[in-house]
Amino acid sequence: MRDPHLYNDTPVLRNKLDIRDQKLLDQAEADYVVYRLKDLALNPLRGNYHSGHLLKMHEYIFQDIFE
């Protein structure tokens, strides 16, 4: 059974940019993540670093790439 998080024809995670080449996805992800991490450094998400807060941070960091 195929992983539903991967494109059918490649081992690449489904993404908002519809990139199906892993190297290209890695490059795009790095660019977007650096931007979001800089933004978080300047504007931290309020919270006490419990699991829910860390999940919100993860969602914020990868929001441009993945659902």
PDB file of N, CA and C in Angstrom:
ATOM      1  N   MET A   1       0.830  -1.187   0.000  1.00  0.00           N
ATOM      2  CA  MET A   1       0.000   0.000   0.000  1.00  0.00           C
ATOM      3  C   MET A   1       0.871   1.246   0.000  1.00  0.00           C
ATOM      4  N   ARG A   2       0.535   2.159  -0.826  1.00  0.00           N
ATOM      5  CA  ARG A   2       1.299   3.397  -1.001  1.00  0.00           C
ATOM      6  C   ARG A   2       0.998   4.391   0.122  1.00  0.00           C
ATOM      7  N   ASP A   3       2.010   5.118   0.566  1.00  0.00           N
ATOM      8  CA  ASP A   3       1.840   6.153   1.589  1.00  0.00           C
ATOM      9  C   ASP A   3       1.022   7.298   0.996  1.00  0.00           C
ATOM     10  N   PRO A   4      -0.078   7.688   1.615  1.00  0.00           N
ATOM     11  CA  PRO A   4      -0.925   8.754   1.064  1.00  0.00           C
ATOM     12  C   PRO A   4      -0.280  10.136   1.139  1.00  0.00           C
ATOM     13  N   HIS A   5       0.812  10.258   1.865  1.00  0.00           N
ATOM     14  CA  HIS A   5       1.501  11.542   1.979  1.00  0.00           C
ATOM     15  C   HIS A   5       2.533  11.745   0.871  1.00  0.00           C
ATOM     16  N   LEU A   6       2.723  10.720   0.040  1.00  0.00           N
ATOM     17  CA  LEU A   6       3.688  10.795  -1.059  1.00  0.00           C
ATOM     18  C   LEU A   6       2.964  10.898  -2.394  1.00  0.00           C
ATOM     19  N   TYR A   7       3.627  11.518  -3.365  1.00  0.00           N
ATOM     20  CA  TYR A   7       3.097  11.506  -4.730  1.00  0.00           C
ATOM     21  C   TYR A   7       3.145  10.074  -5.241  1.00  0.00           C
ATOM     22  N   ASN A   8       2.184   9.702  -6.054  1.00  0.00           N
ATOM     23  CA  ASN A   8       2.090   8.329  -6.560  1.00  0.00           C
ATOM     24  C   ASN A   8       3.313   7.904  -7.358  1.00  0.00           C
ATOM     25  N   ASP A   9       3.869   8.810  -8.127  1.00  0.00           N
ATOM     26  CA  ASP A   9       4.949   8.445  -9.034  1.00  0.00           C
ATOM     27  C   ASP A   9       6.352   8.719  -8.490  1.00  0.00           C
ATOM     28  N   THR A  10       6.462   9.216  -7.251  1.00  0.00           N
ATOM     29  CA  THR A  10       7.767   9.522  -6.664  1.00  0.00           C
ATOM     30  C   THR A  10       7.744   9.276  -5.157  1.00  0.00           C
ATOM     31  N   PRO A  11       8.903   9.192  -4.522  1.00  0.00           N
ATOM     32  CA  PRO A  11       8.959   9.070  -3.061  1.00  0.00           C
ATOM     33  C   PRO A  11       9.012  10.442  -2.371  1.00  0.00           C
ATOM     34  N   VAL A  12       8.419  11.453  -2.992  1.00  0.00           N
ATOM     35  CA  VAL A  12       8.469  12.828  -2.497  1.00  0.00           C
ATOM     36  C   VAL A  12       7.167  13.156  -1.766  1.00  0.00           C
ATOM     37  N   LEU A  13       7.284  13.833  -0.626  1.00  0.00           N
ATOM     38  CA  LEU A  13       6.100  14.249   0.117  1.00  0.00           C
ATOM     39  C   LEU A  13       5.246  15.207  -0.711  1.00  0.00           C
ATOM     40  N   ARG A  14       3.932  15.032  -0.640  1.00  0.00           N
ATOM     41  CA  ARG A  14       3.020  15.973  -1.291  1.00  0.00           C
ATOM     42  C   ARG A  14       3.251  17.343  -0.672  1.00  0.00           C
ATOM     43  N   ASN A  15       3.225  18.372  -1.499  1.00  0.00           N
ATOM     44  CA  ASN A  15       3.511  19.704  -1.012  1.00  0.00           C
ATOM     45  C   ASN A  15       2.695  20.738  -1.766  1.00  0.00           C
ATOM     46  N   LYS A  16       2.565  21.916  -1.186  1.00  0.00           N
ATOM     47  CA  LYS A  16       1.764  22.991  -1.760  1.00  0.00           C
ATOM     48  C   LYS A  16       2.335  23.509  -3.067  1.00  0.00           C
ATOM     49  N   LEU A  17       3.610  23.315  -3.287  1.00  0.00           N
ATOM     50  CA  LEU A  17       4.268  23.820  -4.496  1.00  0.00           C
ATOM     51  C   LEU A  17       4.217  22.815  -5.638  1.00  0.00           C
ATOM     52  N   ASP A  18       3.693  21.626  -5.359  1.00  0.00           N
ATOM     53  CA  ASP A  18       3.585  20.541  -6.340  1.00  0.00           C
ATOM     54  C   ASP A  18       4.937  20.170  -6.940  1.00  0.00           C
ATOM     55  N   ILE A  19       5.979  20.241  -6.110  1.00  0.00           N
ATOM     56  CA  ILE A  19       7.330  19.854  -6.531  1.00  0.00           C
ATOM     57  C   ILE A  19       7.461  18.352  -6.332  1.00  0.00           C
ATOM     58  N   ARG A  20       7.899  17.655  -7.373  1.00  0.00           N
ATOM     59  CA  ARG A  20       8.004  16.197  -7.307  1.00  0.00           C
ATOM     60  C   ARG A  20       9.442  15.698  -7.375  1.00  0.00           C
ATOM     61  N   ASP A  21      10.385  16.600  -7.325  1.00  0.00           N
ATOM     62  CA  ASP A  21      11.807  16.266  -7.320  1.00  0.00           C
ATOM     63  C   ASP A  21      12.343  16.581  -5.923  1.00  0.00           C
ATOM     64  N   GLN A  22      12.925  15.604  -5.248  1.00  0.00           N
ATOM     65  CA  GLN A  22      13.341  15.777  -3.861  1.00  0.00           C
ATOM     66  C   GLN A  22      14.374  16.876  -3.681  1.00  0.00           C
ATOM     67  N   LYS A  23      15.323  16.976  -4.586  1.00  0.00           N
ATOM     68  CA  LYS A  23      16.350  18.018  -4.451  1.00  0.00           C
ATOM     69  C   LYS A  23      15.737  19.412  -4.564  1.00  0.00           C
ATOM     70  N   LEU A  24      14.810  19.579  -5.502  1.00  0.00           N
ATOM     71  CA  LEU A  24      14.143  20.875  -5.649  1.00  0.00           C
ATOM     72  C   LEU A  24      13.276  21.183  -4.428  1.00  0.00           C
ATOM     73  N   LEU A  25      12.610  20.166  -3.916  1.00  0.00           N
ATOM     74  CA  LEU A  25      11.793  20.373  -2.717  1.00  0.00           C
ATOM     75  C   LEU A  25      12.679  20.743  -1.533  1.00  0.00           C
ATOM     76  N   ASP A  26      13.809  20.088  -1.389  1.00  0.00           N
ATOM     77  CA  ASP A  26      14.739  20.410  -0.302  1.00  0.00           C
ATOM     78  C   ASP A  26      15.184  21.867  -0.378  1.00  0.00           C
ATOM     79  N   GLN A  27      15.480  22.340  -1.582  1.00  0.00           N
ATOM     80  CA  GLN A  27      15.913  23.729  -1.761  1.00  0.00           C
ATOM     81  C   GLN A  27      14.803  24.710  -1.411  1.00  0.00           C
ATOM     82  N   ALA A  28      13.598  24.444  -1.908  1.00  0.00           N
ATOM     83  CA  ALA A  28      12.462  25.316  -1.620  1.00  0.00           C
ATOM     84  C   ALA A  28      12.154  25.310  -0.125  1.00  0.00           C
ATOM     85  N   GLU A  29      12.169  24.140   0.470  1.00  0.00           N
ATOM     86  CA  GLU A  29      11.890  24.021   1.897  1.00  0.00           C
ATOM     87  C   GLU A  29      12.904  24.819   2.707  1.00  0.00           C
ATOM     88  N   ALA A  30      14.165  24.715   2.361  1.00  0.00           N
ATOM     89  CA  ALA A  30      15.207  25.462   3.071  1.00  0.00           C
ATOM     90  C   ALA A  30      14.956  26.964   2.987  1.00  0.00           C
ATOM     91  N   ASP A  31      14.603  27.445   1.805  1.00  0.00           N
ATOM     92  CA  ASP A  31      14.345  28.879   1.629  1.00  0.00           C
ATOM     93  C   ASP A  31      13.175  29.352   2.488  1.00  0.00           C
ATOM     94  N   TYR A  32      12.074  28.634   2.433  1.00  0.00           N
ATOM     95  CA  TYR A  32      10.894  29.029   3.202  1.00  0.00           C
ATOM     96  C   TYR A  32      11.125  28.887   4.703  1.00  0.00           C
ATOM     97  N   VAL A  33      11.767  27.819   5.114  1.00  0.00           N
ATOM     98  CA  VAL A  33      11.999  27.580   6.538  1.00  0.00           C
ATOM     99  C   VAL A  33      12.911  28.650   7.132  1.00  0.00           C
ATOM    100  N   VAL A  34      13.945  29.041   6.430  1.00  0.00           N
ATOM    101  CA  VAL A  34      14.836  30.098   6.930  1.00  0.00           C
ATOM    102  C   VAL A  34      14.052  31.386   7.146  1.00  0.00           C
ATOM    103  N   TYR A  35      13.181  31.725   6.207  1.00  0.00           N
ATOM    104  CA  TYR A  35      12.357  32.929   6.340  1.00  0.00           C
ATOM    105  C   TYR A  35      11.476  32.843   7.589  1.00  0.00           C
ATOM    106  N   ARG A  36      10.793  31.702   7.768  1.00  0.00           N
ATOM    107  CA  ARG A  36       9.882  31.541   8.903  1.00  0.00           C
ATOM    108  C   ARG A  36      10.633  31.492  10.228  1.00  0.00           C
ATOM    109  N   LEU A  37      11.810  30.891  10.258  1.00  0.00           N
ATOM    110  CA  LEU A  37      12.594  30.850  11.493  1.00  0.00           C
ATOM    111  C   LEU A  37      13.076  32.244  11.896  1.00  0.00           C
ATOM    112  N   LYS A  38      13.485  33.037  10.906  1.00  0.00           N
ATOM    113  CA  LYS A  38      13.877  34.420  11.204  1.00  0.00           C
ATOM    114  C   LYS A  38      12.694  35.186  11.772  1.00  0.00           C
ATOM    115  N   ASP A  39      11.517  34.986  11.179  1.00  0.00           N
ATOM    116  CA  ASP A  39      10.321  35.660  11.650  1.00  0.00           C
ATOM    117  C   ASP A  39       9.982  35.230  13.080  1.00  0.00           C
ATOM    118  N   LEU A  40      10.104  33.941  13.378  1.00  0.00           N
ATOM    119  CA  LEU A  40       9.846  33.466  14.740  1.00  0.00           C
ATOM    120  C   LEU A  40      10.846  34.038  15.743  1.00  0.00           C
ATOM    121  N   ALA A  41      12.079  34.208  15.318  1.00  0.00           N
ATOM    122  CA  ALA A  41      13.085  34.781  16.213  1.00  0.00           C
ATOM    123  C   ALA A  41      12.712  36.215  16.587  1.00  0.00           C
ATOM    124  N   LEU A  42      12.144  36.947  15.638  1.00  0.00           N
ATOM    125  CA  LEU A  42      11.752  38.333  15.890  1.00  0.00           C
ATOM    126  C   LEU A  42      10.378  38.445  16.545  1.00  0.00           C
ATOM    127  N   ASN A  43       9.506  37.489  16.269  1.00  0.00           N
ATOM    128  CA  ASN A  43       8.127  37.512  16.759  1.00  0.00           C
ATOM    129  C   ASN A  43       7.744  36.132  17.294  1.00  0.00           C
ATOM    130  N   PRO A  44       8.234  35.771  18.464  1.00  0.00           N
ATOM    131  CA  PRO A  44       7.973  34.427  18.986  1.00  0.00           C
ATOM    132  C   PRO A  44       6.481  34.163  19.200  1.00  0.00           C
ATOM    133  N   LEU A  45       6.090  32.920  18.993  1.00  0.00           N
ATOM    134  CA  LEU A  45       4.719  32.518  19.292  1.00  0.00           C
ATOM    135  C   LEU A  45       4.602  32.385  20.807  1.00  0.00           C
ATOM    136  N   ARG A  46       3.572  32.978  21.350  1.00  0.00           N
ATOM    137  CA  ARG A  46       3.368  32.889  22.798  1.00  0.00           C
ATOM    138  C   ARG A  46       3.015  31.461  23.179  1.00  0.00           C
ATOM    139  N   GLY A  47       3.528  31.036  24.304  1.00  0.00           N
ATOM    140  CA  GLY A  47       3.235  29.704  24.792  1.00  0.00           C
ATOM    141  C   GLY A  47       4.267  29.252  25.800  1.00  0.00           C
ATOM    142  N   ASN A  48       4.026  28.083  26.368  1.00  0.00           N
ATOM    143  CA  ASN A  48       4.934  27.590  27.399  1.00  0.00           C
ATOM    144  C   ASN A  48       5.716  26.356  26.948  1.00  0.00           C
ATOM    145  N   TYR A  49       5.824  26.175  25.664  1.00  0.00           N
ATOM    146  CA  TYR A  49       6.649  25.114  25.070  1.00  0.00           C
ATOM    147  C   TYR A  49       6.183  23.705  25.444  1.00  0.00           C
ATOM    148  N   HIS A  50       4.892  23.547  25.639  1.00  0.00           N
ATOM    149  CA  HIS A  50       4.337  22.207  25.800  1.00  0.00           C
ATOM    150  C   HIS A  50       4.133  21.630  24.399  1.00  0.00           C
ATOM    151  N   SER A  51       3.673  20.418  24.301  1.00  0.00           N
ATOM    152  CA  SER A  51       3.583  19.758  22.988  1.00  0.00           C
ATOM    153  C   SER A  51       2.685  20.523  22.012  1.00  0.00           C
ATOM    154  N   GLY A  52       1.568  21.058  22.473  1.00  0.00           N
ATOM    155  CA  GLY A  52       0.687  21.823  21.594  1.00  0.00           C
ATOM    156  C   GLY A  52       1.358  23.071  21.042  1.00  0.00           C
ATOM    157  N   HIS A  53       2.141  23.732  21.888  1.00  0.00           N
ATOM    158  CA  HIS A  53       2.863  24.933  21.456  1.00  0.00           C
ATOM    159  C   HIS A  53       3.923  24.578  20.411  1.00  0.00           C
ATOM    160  N   LEU A  54       4.634  23.505  20.642  1.00  0.00           N
ATOM    161  CA  LEU A  54       5.656  23.071  19.685  1.00  0.00           C
ATOM    162  C   LEU A  54       5.022  22.660  18.354  1.00  0.00           C
ATOM    163  N   LEU A  55       3.838  22.053  18.407  1.00  0.00           N
ATOM    164  CA  LEU A  55       3.138  21.717  17.159  1.00  0.00           C
ATOM    165  C   LEU A  55       2.736  22.976  16.401  1.00  0.00           C
ATOM    166  N   LYS A  56       2.313  24.019  17.101  1.00  0.00           N
ATOM    167  CA  LYS A  56       1.981  25.296  16.457  1.00  0.00           C
ATOM    168  C   LYS A  56       3.220  25.893  15.789  1.00  0.00           C
ATOM    169  N   MET A  57       4.366  25.792  16.460  1.00  0.00           N
ATOM    170  CA  MET A  57       5.607  26.304  15.877  1.00  0.00           C
ATOM    171  C   MET A  57       5.948  25.528  14.605  1.00  0.00           C
ATOM    172  N   HIS A  58       5.811  24.213  14.663  1.00  0.00           N
ATOM    173  CA  HIS A  58       6.088  23.367  13.501  1.00  0.00           C
ATOM    174  C   HIS A  58       5.165  23.744  12.348  1.00  0.00           C
ATOM    175  N   GLU A  59       3.885  23.925  12.648  1.00  0.00           N
ATOM    176  CA  GLU A  59       2.915  24.324  11.623  1.00  0.00           C
ATOM    177  C   GLU A  59       3.300  25.672  11.017  1.00  0.00           C
ATOM    178  N   TYR A  60       3.705  26.621  11.847  1.00  0.00           N
ATOM    179  CA  TYR A  60       4.093  27.940  11.369  1.00  0.00           C
ATOM    180  C   TYR A  60       5.316  27.852  10.448  1.00  0.00           C
ATOM    181  N   ILE A  61       6.302  27.090  10.858  1.00  0.00           N
ATOM    182  CA  ILE A  61       7.555  26.991  10.103  1.00  0.00           C
ATOM    183  C   ILE A  61       7.341  26.377   8.719  1.00  0.00           C
ATOM    184  N   PHE A  62       6.479  25.372   8.617  1.00  0.00           N
ATOM    185  CA  PHE A  62       6.304  24.642   7.356  1.00  0.00           C
ATOM    186  C   PHE A  62       5.021  25.001   6.605  1.00  0.00           C
ATOM    187  N   GLN A  63       4.341  26.066   7.010  1.00  0.00           N
ATOM    188  CA  GLN A  63       3.055  26.409   6.424  1.00  0.00           C
ATOM    189  C   GLN A  63       3.098  26.717   4.918  1.00  0.00           C
ATOM    190  N   ASP A  64       4.203  27.171   4.432  1.00  0.00           N
ATOM    191  CA  ASP A  64       4.309  27.525   3.010  1.00  0.00           C
ATOM    192  C   ASP A  64       4.546  26.310   2.121  1.00  0.00           C
ATOM    193  N   ILE A  65       4.948  25.203   2.713  1.00  0.00           N
ATOM    194  CA  ILE A  65       5.335  24.023   1.943  1.00  0.00           C
ATOM    195  C   ILE A  65       4.307  22.890   2.045  1.00  0.00           C
ATOM    196  N   PHE A  66       3.863  22.611   3.258  1.00  0.00           N
ATOM    197  CA  PHE A  66       3.013  21.440   3.484  1.00  0.00           C
ATOM    198  C   PHE A  66       1.683  21.824   4.121  1.00  0.00           C
ATOM    199  N   GLU A  67       0.671  20.998   3.859  1.00  0.00           N
ATOM    200  CA  GLU A  67      -0.654  21.197   4.499  1.00  0.00           C
ATOM    201  C   GLU A  67      -0.560  20.862   5.959  1.00  0.00           C
TER     202      GLU A  67
END
